[in-house]
C-alpha atoms as a PDB file:
ATOM      1  CA  UNK A   1      -0.106  -0.143   0.156  1.00  0.00           C
ATOM      2  CA  UNK A   2       3.446   2.566   0.474  1.00  0.00           C
ATOM      3  CA  UNK A   3       3.600   2.350  -3.007  1.00  0.00           C
ATOM      4  CA  UNK A   4       1.184   3.161  -3.909  1.00  0.00           C
ATOM      5  CA  UNK A   5       1.259   6.236  -2.231  1.00  0.00           C
ATOM      6  CA  UNK A   6       5.048   6.593  -3.147  1.00  0.00           C
ATOM      7  CA  UNK A   7       3.594   6.002  -6.613  1.00  0.00           C
ATOM      8  CA  UNK A   8       1.030   8.851  -6.399  1.00  0.00           C
ATOM      9  CA  UNK A   9       3.054  11.058  -4.679  1.00  0.00           C
ATOM     10  CA  UNK A  10       5.638  10.944  -7.581  1.00  0.00           C
ATOM     11  CA  UNK A  11       3.179  11.255 -10.500  1.00  0.00           C
ATOM     12  CA  UNK A  12       1.352  14.198  -9.171  1.00  0.00           C
ATOM     13  CA  UNK A  13       5.601  15.775  -9.010  1.00  0.00           C
ATOM     14  CA  UNK A  14       5.874  15.120 -12.202  1.00  0.00           C
ATOM     15  CA  UNK A  15       3.066  16.470 -13.379  1.00  0.00           C
ATOM     16  CA  UNK A  16       2.852  19.707 -11.495  1.00  0.00           C
ATOM     17  CA  UNK A  17       6.504  20.779 -12.748  1.00  0.00           C
ATOM     18  CA  UNK A  18       5.033  20.258 -16.172  1.00  0.00           C
ATOM     19  CA  UNK A  19       1.717  21.560 -15.548  1.00  0.00           C
ATOM     20  CA  UNK A  20       3.290  24.368 -18.371  1.00  0.00           C
ATOM     21  CA  UNK A  21       3.187  22.111 -20.697  1.00  0.00           C
ATOM     22  CA  UNK A  22      -0.099  20.789 -22.692  1.00  0.00           C
ATOM     23  CA  UNK A  23       1.106  16.874 -22.114  1.00  0.00           C
ATOM     24  CA  UNK A  24      -1.866  13.930 -22.672  1.00  0.00           C
ATOM     25  CA  UNK A  25      -3.372  12.823 -19.835  1.00  0.00           C
ATOM     26  CA  UNK A  26      -1.895   9.676 -18.060  1.00  0.00           C
ATOM     27  CA  UNK A  27      -3.570   6.936 -16.076  1.00  0.00           C
ATOM     28  CA  UNK A  28      -1.885   5.045 -13.604  1.00  0.00           C
ATOM     29  CA  UNK A  29      -3.472   1.578 -13.035  1.00  0.00           C
ATOM     30  CA  UNK A  30      -2.650  -1.253  -9.703  1.00  0.00           C
ATOM     31  CA  UNK A  31      -2.647  -4.217 -10.217  1.00  0.00           C
ATOM     32  CA  UNK A  32      -5.987  -4.513  -8.056  1.00  0.00           C
ATOM     33  CA  UNK A  33      -6.863  -1.713 -10.550  1.00  0.00           C
ATOM     34  CA  UNK A  34      -5.515  -4.155 -13.659  1.00  0.00           C
ATOM     35  CA  UNK A  35      -7.270  -7.615 -12.663  1.00  0.00           C
ATOM     36  CA  UNK A  36     -10.539  -5.698 -11.945  1.00  0.00           C
ATOM     37  CA  UNK A  37     -10.966  -4.738 -15.845  1.00  0.00           C
ATOM     38  CA  UNK A  38     -12.988  -6.883 -17.652  1.00  0.00           C
ATOM     39  CA  UNK A  39     -12.209  -9.307 -20.076  1.00  0.00           C
ATOM     40  CA  UNK A  40     -14.068 -11.147 -23.108  1.00  0.00           C
ATOM     41  CA  UNK A  41     -16.219 -14.627 -21.910  1.00  0.00           C
ATOM     42  CA  UNK A  42     -14.106 -17.240 -22.772  1.00  0.00           C
ATOM     43  CA  UNK A  43     -15.105 -19.402 -26.620  1.00  0.00           C
ATOM     44  CA  UNK A  44     -17.230 -21.898 -26.241  1.00  0.00           C
ATOM     45  CA  UNK A  45     -16.464 -25.005 -28.394  1.00  0.00           C
ATOM     46  CA  UNK A  46     -18.284 -25.370 -31.683  1.00  0.00           C
ATOM     47  CA  UNK A  47     -17.651 -27.917 -33.340  1.00  0.00           C
ATOM     48  CA  UNK A  48     -14.959 -31.209 -33.127  1.00  0.00           C
ATOM     49  CA  UNK A  49     -10.473 -30.103 -32.669  1.00  0.00           C
ATOM     50  CA  UNK A  50      -8.505 -30.045 -35.243  1.00  0.00           C
ATOM     51  CA  UNK A  51      -4.726 -31.530 -34.335  1.00  0.00           C
ATOM     52  CA  UNK A  52      -1.712 -29.683 -35.579  1.00  0.00           C
ATOM     53  CA  UNK A  53       1.930 -31.339 -35.629  1.00  0.00           C
ATOM     54  CA  UNK A  54       5.178 -29.063 -35.966  1.00  0.00           C
ATOM     55  CA  UNK A  55       5.333 -28.200 -39.562  1.00  0.00           C
ATOM     56  CA  UNK A  56       9.394 -30.147 -40.195  1.00  0.00           C
ATOM     57  CA  UNK A  57      11.928 -29.707 -42.919  1.00  0.00           C
ATOM     58  CA  UNK A  58      10.940 -26.326 -44.147  1.00  0.00           C
ATOM     59  CA  UNK A  59      13.549 -24.098 -43.417  1.00  0.00           C
ATOM     60  CA  UNK A  60      11.617 -21.408 -45.244  1.00  0.00           C
ATOM     61  CA  UNK A  61       9.358 -21.597 -41.993  1.00  0.00           C
ATOM     62  CA  UNK A  62      12.310 -22.249 -39.409  1.00  0.00           C
ATOM     63  CA  UNK A  63      14.126 -18.563 -41.105  1.00  0.00           C
ATOM     64  CA  UNK A  64      10.423 -17.022 -41.140  1.00  0.00           C
ATOM     65  CA  UNK A  65      10.097 -17.286 -37.400  1.00  0.00           C
ATOM     66  CA  UNK A  66      13.426 -15.538 -36.712  1.00  0.00           C
ATOM     67  CA  UNK A  67      11.567 -11.921 -37.897  1.00  0.00           C
ATOM     68  CA  UNK A  68      11.128 -10.094 -35.611  1.00  0.00           C
ATOM     69  CA  UNK A  69      10.550  -7.007 -37.753  1.00  0.00           C
ATOM     70  CA  UNK A  70       9.623  -5.974 -40.529  1.00  0.00           C
ATOM     71  CA  UNK A  71       8.545  -2.363 -42.036  1.00  0.00           C
ATOM     72  CA  UNK A  72       7.489  -1.272 -45.938  1.00  0.00           C
ATOM     73  CA  UNK A  73      10.032   1.311 -46.994  1.00  0.00           C
ATOM     74  CA  UNK A  74      10.189   3.803 -50.515  1.00  0.00           C
ATOM     75  CA  UNK A  75       7.397   3.940 -52.975  1.00  0.00           C
ATOM     76  CA  UNK A  76       9.044   0.808 -55.215  1.00  0.00           C
ATOM     77  CA  UNK A  77       7.562  -2.066 -52.846  1.00  0.00           C
ATOM     78  CA  UNK A  78      11.052  -2.821 -50.803  1.00  0.00           C
ATOM     79  CA  UNK A  79      10.777  -4.118 -46.849  1.00  0.00           C
ATOM     80  CA  UNK A  80      13.242  -3.186 -44.404  1.00  0.00           C
ATOM     81  CA  UNK A  81      13.527  -6.856 -41.409  1.00  0.00           C
ATOM     82  CA  UNK A  82      14.796  -8.105 -39.365  1.00  0.00           C
ATOM     83  CA  UNK A  83      15.362 -11.638 -37.802  1.00  0.00           C
ATOM     84  CA  UNK A  84      16.507 -12.506 -34.149  1.00  0.00           C
ATOM     85  CA  UNK A  85      19.594 -14.611 -33.295  1.00  0.00           C
ATOM     86  CA  UNK A  86      23.244 -13.259 -32.326  1.00  0.00           C
ATOM     87  CA  UNK A  87      24.485 -12.374 -28.453  1.00  0.00           C
ATOM     88  CA  UNK A  88      21.527  -9.561 -27.703  1.00  0.00           C
ATOM     89  CA  UNK A  89      23.605  -8.406 -25.597  1.00  0.00           C
ATOM     90  CA  UNK A  90      25.848  -7.392 -28.346  1.00  0.00           C
ATOM     91  CA  UNK A  91      23.428  -6.437 -31.722  1.00  0.00           C
ATOM     92  CA  UNK A  92      21.404  -9.002 -32.294  1.00  0.00           C
ATOM     93  CA  UNK A  93      19.016  -7.833 -35.534  1.00  0.00           C
ATOM     94  CA  UNK A  94      20.208  -8.894 -38.813  1.00  0.00           C
ATOM     95  CA  UNK A  95      19.208  -6.236 -40.681  1.00  0.00           C
ATOM     96  CA  UNK A  96      18.002  -6.787 -44.177  1.00  0.00           C
ATOM     97  CA  UNK A  97      16.695  -4.331 -47.348  1.00  0.00           C
ATOM     98  CA  UNK A  98      14.481  -6.269 -49.713  1.00  0.00           C
ATOM     99  CA  UNK A  99      12.342  -5.950 -53.494  1.00  0.00           C
ATOM    100  CA  UNK A 100       9.941  -8.559 -54.220  1.00  0.00           C
ATOM    101  CA  UNK A 101      10.902  -9.058 -58.164  1.00  0.00           C
ATOM    102  CA  UNK A 102       7.805 -12.067 -59.348  1.00  0.00           C
ATOM    103  CA  UNK A 103       6.463 -14.885 -58.121  1.00  0.00           C
ATOM    104  CA  UNK A 104       8.149 -16.524 -60.373  1.00  0.00           C
ATOM    105  CA  UNK A 105      11.745 -15.222 -58.843  1.00  0.00           C
ATOM    106  CA  UNK A 106      10.785 -14.263 -55.161  1.00  0.00           C
ATOM    107  CA  UNK A 107      12.787 -11.430 -53.141  1.00  0.00           C
ATOM    108  CA  UNK A 108      16.193 -10.325 -53.555  1.00  0.00           C
ATOM    109  CA  UNK A 109      17.466  -9.706 -50.198  1.00  0.00           C
ATOM    110  CA  UNK A 110      20.723  -7.482 -49.156  1.00  0.00           C
ATOM    111  CA  UNK A 111      21.854  -8.076 -46.105  1.00  0.00           C
ATOM    112  CA  UNK A 112      23.367  -4.426 -44.338  1.00  0.00           C
ATOM    113  CA  UNK A 113      24.145  -5.750 -40.472  1.00  0.00           C
ATOM    114  CA  UNK A 114      23.847  -6.929 -37.381  1.00  0.00           C
ATOM    115  CA  UNK A 115      22.123  -3.893 -34.964  1.00  0.00           C
ATOM    116  CA  UNK A 116      20.498  -3.594 -31.443  1.00  0.00           C
ATOM    117  CA  UNK A 117      18.058  -1.363 -33.494  1.00  0.00           C
ATOM    118  CA  UNK A 118      17.409   0.309 -36.852  1.00  0.00           C
ATOM    119  CA  UNK A 119      14.764   3.446 -36.924  1.00  0.00           C
ATOM    120  CA  UNK A 120      13.255   4.974 -40.823  1.00  0.00           C
ATOM    121  CA  UNK A 121      13.460   8.314 -40.367  1.00  0.00           C
ATOM    122  CA  UNK A 122      12.634   8.634 -44.599  1.00  0.00           C
ATOM    123  CA  UNK A 123      11.938   6.632 -47.388  1.00  0.00           C
ATOM    124  CA  UNK A 124      11.046   7.691 -51.504  1.00  0.00           C
ATOM    125  CA  UNK A 125      11.506   5.744 -54.039  1.00  0.00           C
ATOM    126  CA  UNK A 126      15.492   4.266 -54.641  1.00  0.00           C
ATOM    127  CA  UNK A 127      16.062   5.192 -51.161  1.00  0.00           C
ATOM    128  CA  UNK A 128      15.898   4.196 -47.205  1.00  0.00           C
ATOM    129  CA  UNK A 129      17.584   7.018 -45.158  1.00  0.00           C
ATOM    130  CA  UNK A 130      18.675   5.627 -41.143  1.00  0.00           C
ATOM    131  CA  UNK A 131      19.704   6.073 -38.041  1.00  0.00           C
ATOM    132  CA  UNK A 132      21.127   2.776 -36.642  1.00  0.00           C
ATOM    133  CA  UNK A 133      21.381   1.694 -33.473  1.00  0.00           C
ATOM    134  CA  UNK A 134      24.597  -0.415 -32.057  1.00  0.00           C
ATOM    135  CA  UNK A 135      27.191  -2.609 -29.458  1.00  0.00           C
ATOM    136  CA  UNK A 136      30.703  -1.200 -28.908  1.00  0.00           C
ATOM    137  CA  UNK A 137      32.990  -3.413 -28.189  1.00  0.00           C
ATOM    138  CA  UNK A 138      35.914  -1.853 -26.547  1.00  0.00           C
ATOM    139  CA  UNK A 139      38.643  -5.233 -26.907  1.00  0.00           C
ATOM    140  CA  UNK A 140      41.105  -3.600 -24.190  1.00  0.00           C
ATOM    141  CA  UNK A 141      38.741  -2.239 -21.654  1.00  0.00           C
ATOM    142  CA  UNK A 142      36.092  -5.764 -23.268  1.00  0.00           C
ATOM    143  CA  UNK A 143      33.327  -3.012 -21.568  1.00  0.00           C
ATOM    144  CA  UNK A 144      30.438  -2.958 -24.693  1.00  0.00           C
ATOM    145  CA  UNK A 145      29.075   1.176 -25.983  1.00  0.00           C
ATOM    146  CA  UNK A 146      26.536   1.594 -28.305  1.00  0.00           C
ATOM    147  CA  UNK A 147      26.964   4.127 -30.779  1.00  0.00           C
ATOM    148  CA  UNK A 148      24.427   6.108 -33.343  1.00  0.00           C
ATOM    149  CA  UNK A 149      24.845   5.838 -36.527  1.00  0.00           C
ATOM    150  CA  UNK A 150      22.830   7.403 -39.868  1.00  0.00           C
ATOM    151  CA  UNK A 151      23.440   5.663 -43.112  1.00  0.00           C
ATOM    152  CA  UNK A 152      21.718   5.822 -46.714  1.00  0.00           C
ATOM    153  CA  UNK A 153      20.479   2.941 -48.426  1.00  0.00           C
ATOM    154  CA  UNK A 154      20.767   3.472 -52.603  1.00  0.00           C
ATOM    155  CA  UNK A 155      19.352   1.659 -55.303  1.00  0.00           C
ATOM    156  CA  UNK A 156      18.772   2.014 -58.577  1.00  0.00           C
ATOM    157  CA  UNK A 157      14.868   1.575 -58.985  1.00  0.00           C
ATOM    158  CA  UNK A 158      14.584  -1.122 -61.119  1.00  0.00           C
ATOM    159  CA  UNK A 159      11.865  -1.928 -64.257  1.00  0.00           C
ATOM    160  CA  UNK A 160       8.564  -3.732 -62.728  1.00  0.00           C
ATOM    161  CA  UNK A 161       8.851  -7.156 -61.726  1.00  0.00           C
ATOM    162  CA  UNK A 162      12.776  -6.251 -61.477  1.00  0.00           C
ATOM    163  CA  UNK A 163      14.480  -6.141 -58.755  1.00  0.00           C
ATOM    164  CA  UNK A 164      17.392  -4.389 -58.134  1.00  0.00           C
ATOM    165  CA  UNK A 165      21.092  -6.125 -58.334  1.00  0.00           C
ATOM    166  CA  UNK A 166      22.723  -3.906 -55.837  1.00  0.00           C
ATOM    167  CA  UNK A 167      22.374  -1.179 -53.318  1.00  0.00           C
ATOM    168  CA  UNK A 168      24.839   1.194 -51.877  1.00  0.00           C
ATOM    169  CA  UNK A 169      25.255   2.068 -47.651  1.00  0.00           C
ATOM    170  CA  UNK A 170      26.154   5.432 -47.538  1.00  0.00           C
ATOM    171  CA  UNK A 171      27.417   6.655 -44.804  1.00  0.00           C
ATOM    172  CA  UNK A 172      25.619  10.499 -43.437  1.00  0.00           C
ATOM    173  CA  UNK A 173      25.168  13.133 -41.113  1.00  0.00           C
END
């Protein structure tokens, strides 16, 4: 109970300190209040259950299950995506840009690197600007740090049904 009073006091002081600024109203709920929130009634079975088995032997599905992020970028159907992998303390988001050619040809995929995260700053046909957040390692001290760097990813916009054959990644400020 004392924790709730401390939380209320902190919230009140933050609200008072920011009263001069137009701030959205913040609603704080306690664990008890959250538990009292009504939930939808559980569904009732309306037929015989169907048992499914694990999809085995399809490496494509294993890769697809690793995707943890997708961002559609540019006007020409490009998408950024990231897969989970590696050591999450030292980057771990394998980041790619991909272009769909046709059902027969599939996707052209380019690996941009291994980052903690990326932010799409802007995009247009043939270009996407990114802010990359990545881990750094000081080999002398073995300390992990972090940095942001910006890059411009660009490509020649291909004809419909084709994909770029190469992309460029240029450091930016």
